[in-house]
Amino acid sequence: MSDSTRQNRSNAWQTALTTLQEVSPPFIPAGAHAMTVVVEYPPGDPGAPPHRHSGPAFGYVLEGEMRFELEGEPERVVRAGEVFWEPGGDVIHYQDGNNRDDGPVRFTVTMLCEPGKPMLTVVDDEELAQRADRRAPRPEGRS
């Protein structure tokens, strides 16, 4: 590399990194592959039905507000610029819908998927009923 190339380089890379989240997932499926997606729901959309992922998932809200709820945890709102994650496996992801009725929610999710398994598996009503005791108490007026 020439001296002129070195002189034209920026040092911004040395301070450009901001850690948004750092977690230790409980497991990573053997032979997992990574998948990164962008999800966008229109105003007021409830999002995906209750589901699970075959491996851990890590996300970042790009725009709007997402209503987020995992089995055993209270519902919470994740706003633009905030992160979320879920362990995957047997844990039910109850909500990922748009918390607002005046604009879309957009978020990106990187999932470590078990080979040969779908990225998302919908949980049926029978299983939801069997596991109802694992769901955190719901805010009044919500089901």
C-alpha atoms as a PDB file:
ATOM      1  CA  MET A   1       0.000   0.000   0.000  1.00  0.00           C
ATOM      2  CA  SER A   2       1.437   3.374  -0.972  1.00  0.00           C
ATOM      3  CA  ASP A   3       1.964   6.208   1.502  1.00  0.00           C
ATOM      4  CA  SER A   4      -0.633   8.337  -0.315  1.00  0.00           C
ATOM      5  CA  THR A   5      -3.270   5.577   0.067  1.00  0.00           C
ATOM      6  CA  ARG A   6      -2.497   5.313   3.782  1.00  0.00           C
ATOM      7  CA  GLN A   7      -2.748   9.083   4.222  1.00  0.00           C
ATOM      8  CA  ASN A   8      -6.193   9.181   2.576  1.00  0.00           C
ATOM      9  CA  ARG A   9      -7.671   6.571   4.914  1.00  0.00           C
ATOM     10  CA  SER A  10     -10.056   7.608   7.619  1.00  0.00           C
ATOM     11  CA  ASN A  11      -9.677   6.647  11.247  1.00  0.00           C
ATOM     12  CA  ALA A  12     -13.456   6.734  11.749  1.00  0.00           C
ATOM     13  CA  TRP A  13     -13.583   2.922  11.791  1.00  0.00           C
ATOM     14  CA  GLN A  14     -11.848   3.027  15.191  1.00  0.00           C
ATOM     15  CA  THR A  15     -14.882   4.677  16.827  1.00  0.00           C
ATOM     16  CA  ALA A  16     -17.647   3.688  14.378  1.00  0.00           C
ATOM     17  CA  LEU A  17     -18.823   0.586  16.258  1.00  0.00           C
ATOM     18  CA  THR A  18     -21.647   0.824  18.811  1.00  0.00           C
ATOM     19  CA  THR A  19     -22.682  -2.391  20.554  1.00  0.00           C
ATOM     20  CA  LEU A  20     -26.489  -2.571  20.709  1.00  0.00           C
ATOM     21  CA  GLN A  21     -26.851  -5.910  22.456  1.00  0.00           C
ATOM     22  CA  GLU A  22     -24.674  -8.737  23.613  1.00  0.00           C
ATOM     23  CA  VAL A  23     -26.263 -11.980  24.768  1.00  0.00           C
ATOM     24  CA  SER A  24     -25.351 -15.603  25.312  1.00  0.00           C
ATOM     25  CA  PRO A  25     -28.022 -17.669  23.562  1.00  0.00           C
ATOM     26  CA  PRO A  26     -28.907 -20.906  25.359  1.00  0.00           C
ATOM     27  CA  PHE A  27     -28.114 -22.955  22.257  1.00  0.00           C
ATOM     28  CA  ILE A  28     -27.309 -22.750  18.580  1.00  0.00           C
ATOM     29  CA  PRO A  29     -28.722 -25.578  16.448  1.00  0.00           C
ATOM     30  CA  ALA A  30     -26.053 -27.889  15.018  1.00  0.00           C
ATOM     31  CA  GLY A  31     -25.287 -26.909  11.419  1.00  0.00           C
ATOM     32  CA  ALA A  32     -27.361 -23.731  11.762  1.00  0.00           C
ATOM     33  CA  HIS A  33     -27.511 -21.240   8.962  1.00  0.00           C
ATOM     34  CA  ALA A  34     -28.126 -17.529   9.448  1.00  0.00           C
ATOM     35  CA  MET A  35     -31.029 -15.687   7.857  1.00  0.00           C
ATOM     36  CA  THR A  36     -31.574 -11.930   8.058  1.00  0.00           C
ATOM     37  CA  VAL A  37     -34.984 -10.536   7.102  1.00  0.00           C
ATOM     38  CA  VAL A  38     -36.784  -7.197   7.213  1.00  0.00           C
ATOM     39  CA  VAL A  39     -40.383  -7.297   8.443  1.00  0.00           C
ATOM     40  CA  GLU A  40     -42.840  -4.443   7.842  1.00  0.00           C
ATOM     41  CA  TYR A  41     -46.368  -4.294   9.245  1.00  0.00           C
ATOM     42  CA  PRO A  42     -48.900  -1.572   8.401  1.00  0.00           C
ATOM     43  CA  PRO A  43     -50.482   0.621  11.093  1.00  0.00           C
ATOM     44  CA  GLY A  44     -52.247  -1.382  13.815  1.00  0.00           C
ATOM     45  CA  ASP A  45     -51.356  -4.780  12.318  1.00  0.00           C
ATOM     46  CA  PRO A  46     -51.211  -7.551  14.969  1.00  0.00           C
ATOM     47  CA  GLY A  47     -48.245  -9.228  13.250  1.00  0.00           C
ATOM     48  CA  ALA A  48     -47.538 -12.934  12.996  1.00  0.00           C
ATOM     49  CA  PRO A  49     -49.696 -15.368  14.960  1.00  0.00           C
ATOM     50  CA  PRO A  50     -48.073 -17.051  17.993  1.00  0.00           C
ATOM     51  CA  HIS A  51     -45.060 -18.975  16.713  1.00  0.00           C
ATOM     52  CA  ARG A  52     -41.593 -20.280  17.515  1.00  0.00           C
ATOM     53  CA  HIS A  53     -38.226 -20.261  15.800  1.00  0.00           C
ATOM     54  CA  SER A  54     -35.870 -23.246  15.548  1.00  0.00           C
ATOM     55  CA  GLY A  55     -32.938 -21.192  16.858  1.00  0.00           C
ATOM     56  CA  PRO A  56     -32.196 -17.842  18.468  1.00  0.00           C
ATOM     57  CA  ALA A  57     -33.244 -14.601  16.787  1.00  0.00           C
ATOM     58  CA  PHE A  58     -31.754 -11.118  17.185  1.00  0.00           C
ATOM     59  CA  GLY A  59     -33.548  -7.991  16.016  1.00  0.00           C
ATOM     60  CA  TYR A  60     -33.472  -4.229  15.677  1.00  0.00           C
ATOM     61  CA  VAL A  61     -36.461  -1.925  15.158  1.00  0.00           C
ATOM     62  CA  LEU A  62     -35.795   0.398  12.225  1.00  0.00           C
ATOM     63  CA  GLU A  63     -39.016   2.438  12.317  1.00  0.00           C
ATOM     64  CA  GLY A  64     -42.094   2.670  14.542  1.00  0.00           C
ATOM     65  CA  GLU A  65     -42.931   0.564  17.586  1.00  0.00           C
ATOM     66  CA  MET A  66     -43.293  -3.199  17.893  1.00  0.00           C
ATOM     67  CA  ARG A  67     -45.354  -4.944  20.545  1.00  0.00           C
ATOM     68  CA  PHE A  68     -43.110  -7.821  21.630  1.00  0.00           C
ATOM     69  CA  GLU A  69     -44.019 -10.754  23.856  1.00  0.00           C
ATOM     70  CA  LEU A  70     -42.254 -14.020  24.580  1.00  0.00           C
ATOM     71  CA  GLU A  71     -43.585 -16.876  26.663  1.00  0.00           C
ATOM     72  CA  GLY A  72     -43.007 -16.195  30.357  1.00  0.00           C
ATOM     73  CA  GLU A  73     -42.200 -12.500  29.865  1.00  0.00           C
ATOM     74  CA  PRO A  74     -44.544  -9.517  30.050  1.00  0.00           C
ATOM     75  CA  GLU A  75     -45.490  -7.760  26.848  1.00  0.00           C
ATOM     76  CA  ARG A  76     -43.299  -4.768  26.068  1.00  0.00           C
ATOM     77  CA  VAL A  77     -42.907  -2.140  23.376  1.00  0.00           C
ATOM     78  CA  VAL A  78     -39.656  -2.009  21.391  1.00  0.00           C
ATOM     79  CA  ARG A  79     -39.156   1.348  19.695  1.00  0.00           C
ATOM     80  CA  ALA A  80     -37.085   2.439  16.688  1.00  0.00           C
ATOM     81  CA  GLY A  81     -33.403   2.204  17.560  1.00  0.00           C
ATOM     82  CA  GLU A  82     -33.942  -0.507  20.188  1.00  0.00           C
ATOM     83  CA  VAL A  83     -33.046  -4.195  20.027  1.00  0.00           C
ATOM     84  CA  PHE A  84     -34.705  -7.462  21.002  1.00  0.00           C
ATOM     85  CA  TRP A  85     -33.802 -11.132  20.990  1.00  0.00           C
ATOM     86  CA  GLU A  86     -35.385 -14.459  21.684  1.00  0.00           C
ATOM     87  CA  PRO A  87     -33.829 -17.811  22.504  1.00  0.00           C
ATOM     88  CA  GLY A  88     -35.776 -19.864  19.946  1.00  0.00           C
ATOM     89  CA  GLY A  89     -36.428 -23.559  20.407  1.00  0.00           C
ATOM     90  CA  ASP A  90     -39.495 -24.359  22.501  1.00  0.00           C
ATOM     91  CA  VAL A  91     -40.269 -20.749  23.551  1.00  0.00           C
ATOM     92  CA  ILE A  92     -43.470 -19.286  22.059  1.00  0.00           C
ATOM     93  CA  HIS A  93     -43.232 -15.820  20.526  1.00  0.00           C
ATOM     94  CA  TYR A  94     -46.733 -14.430  21.102  1.00  0.00           C
ATOM     95  CA  GLN A  95     -46.483 -10.976  19.568  1.00  0.00           C
ATOM     96  CA  ASP A  96     -44.448  -8.955  17.086  1.00  0.00           C
ATOM     97  CA  GLY A  97     -47.187  -6.605  15.849  1.00  0.00           C
ATOM     98  CA  ASN A  98     -47.326  -2.879  15.228  1.00  0.00           C
ATOM     99  CA  ASN A  99     -47.988  -0.973  18.457  1.00  0.00           C
ATOM    100  CA  ARG A 100     -49.136   2.145  16.606  1.00  0.00           C
ATOM    101  CA  ASP A 101     -52.086   2.904  14.351  1.00  0.00           C
ATOM    102  CA  ASP A 102     -50.520   5.971  12.706  1.00  0.00           C
ATOM    103  CA  GLY A 103     -47.571   4.454  10.846  1.00  0.00           C
ATOM    104  CA  PRO A 104     -45.769   1.237   9.933  1.00  0.00           C
ATOM    105  CA  VAL A 105     -43.325  -0.715  12.031  1.00  0.00           C
ATOM    106  CA  ARG A 106     -40.176  -2.029  10.313  1.00  0.00           C
ATOM    107  CA  PHE A 107     -37.642  -4.281  11.974  1.00  0.00           C
ATOM    108  CA  THR A 108     -34.826  -6.541  10.949  1.00  0.00           C
ATOM    109  CA  VAL A 109     -34.216  -9.971  12.456  1.00  0.00           C
ATOM    110  CA  THR A 110     -31.228 -12.291  12.119  1.00  0.00           C
ATOM    111  CA  MET A 111     -32.128 -15.886  12.939  1.00  0.00           C
ATOM    112  CA  LEU A 112     -29.956 -18.937  13.376  1.00  0.00           C
ATOM    113  CA  CYS A 113     -32.124 -21.597  11.793  1.00  0.00           C
ATOM    114  CA  GLU A 114     -31.921 -25.341  12.213  1.00  0.00           C
ATOM    115  CA  PRO A 115     -31.219 -26.950   8.827  1.00  0.00           C
ATOM    116  CA  GLY A 116     -34.330 -28.373   7.191  1.00  0.00           C
ATOM    117  CA  LYS A 117     -36.677 -26.552   9.593  1.00  0.00           C
ATOM    118  CA  PRO A 118     -38.817 -23.549   8.708  1.00  0.00           C
ATOM    119  CA  MET A 119     -37.726 -20.170  10.024  1.00  0.00           C
ATOM    120  CA  LEU A 120     -41.119 -19.781  11.729  1.00  0.00           C
ATOM    121  CA  THR A 121     -43.607 -22.421  12.923  1.00  0.00           C
ATOM    122  CA  VAL A 122     -47.118 -21.289  13.916  1.00  0.00           C
ATOM    123  CA  VAL A 123     -48.359 -22.663  17.254  1.00  0.00           C
ATOM    124  CA  ASP A 124     -51.895 -24.100  17.148  1.00  0.00           C
ATOM    125  CA  ASP A 125     -54.752 -23.191  19.515  1.00  0.00           C
ATOM    126  CA  GLU A 126     -54.576 -26.534  21.322  1.00  0.00           C
ATOM    127  CA  GLU A 127     -50.932 -26.044  22.294  1.00  0.00           C
ATOM    128  CA  LEU A 128     -51.594 -22.421  23.295  1.00  0.00           C
ATOM    129  CA  ALA A 129     -54.345 -23.651  25.648  1.00  0.00           C
ATOM    130  CA  GLN A 130     -52.077 -26.340  27.126  1.00  0.00           C
ATOM    131  CA  ARG A 131     -49.355 -23.775  27.827  1.00  0.00           C
ATOM    132  CA  ALA A 132     -51.593 -20.902  28.972  1.00  0.00           C
ATOM    133  CA  ASP A 133     -50.042 -21.023  32.448  1.00  0.00           C
ATOM    134  CA  ARG A 134     -46.644 -20.093  30.957  1.00  0.00           C
ATOM    135  CA  ARG A 135     -47.883 -16.793  29.543  1.00  0.00           C
ATOM    136  CA  ALA A 136     -47.269 -13.656  31.611  1.00  0.00           C
ATOM    137  CA  PRO A 137     -50.365 -11.807  32.864  1.00  0.00           C
ATOM    138  CA  ARG A 138     -51.965  -9.729  30.102  1.00  0.00           C
ATOM    139  CA  PRO A 139     -52.642  -5.988  30.322  1.00  0.00           C
ATOM    140  CA  GLU A 140     -56.315  -5.323  30.966  1.00  0.00           C
ATOM    141  CA  GLY A 141     -58.379  -5.520  27.774  1.00  0.00           C
ATOM    142  CA  ARG A 142     -55.803  -7.588  25.844  1.00  0.00           C
ATOM    143  CA  SER A 143     -55.971 -11.250  24.969  1.00  0.00           C
END
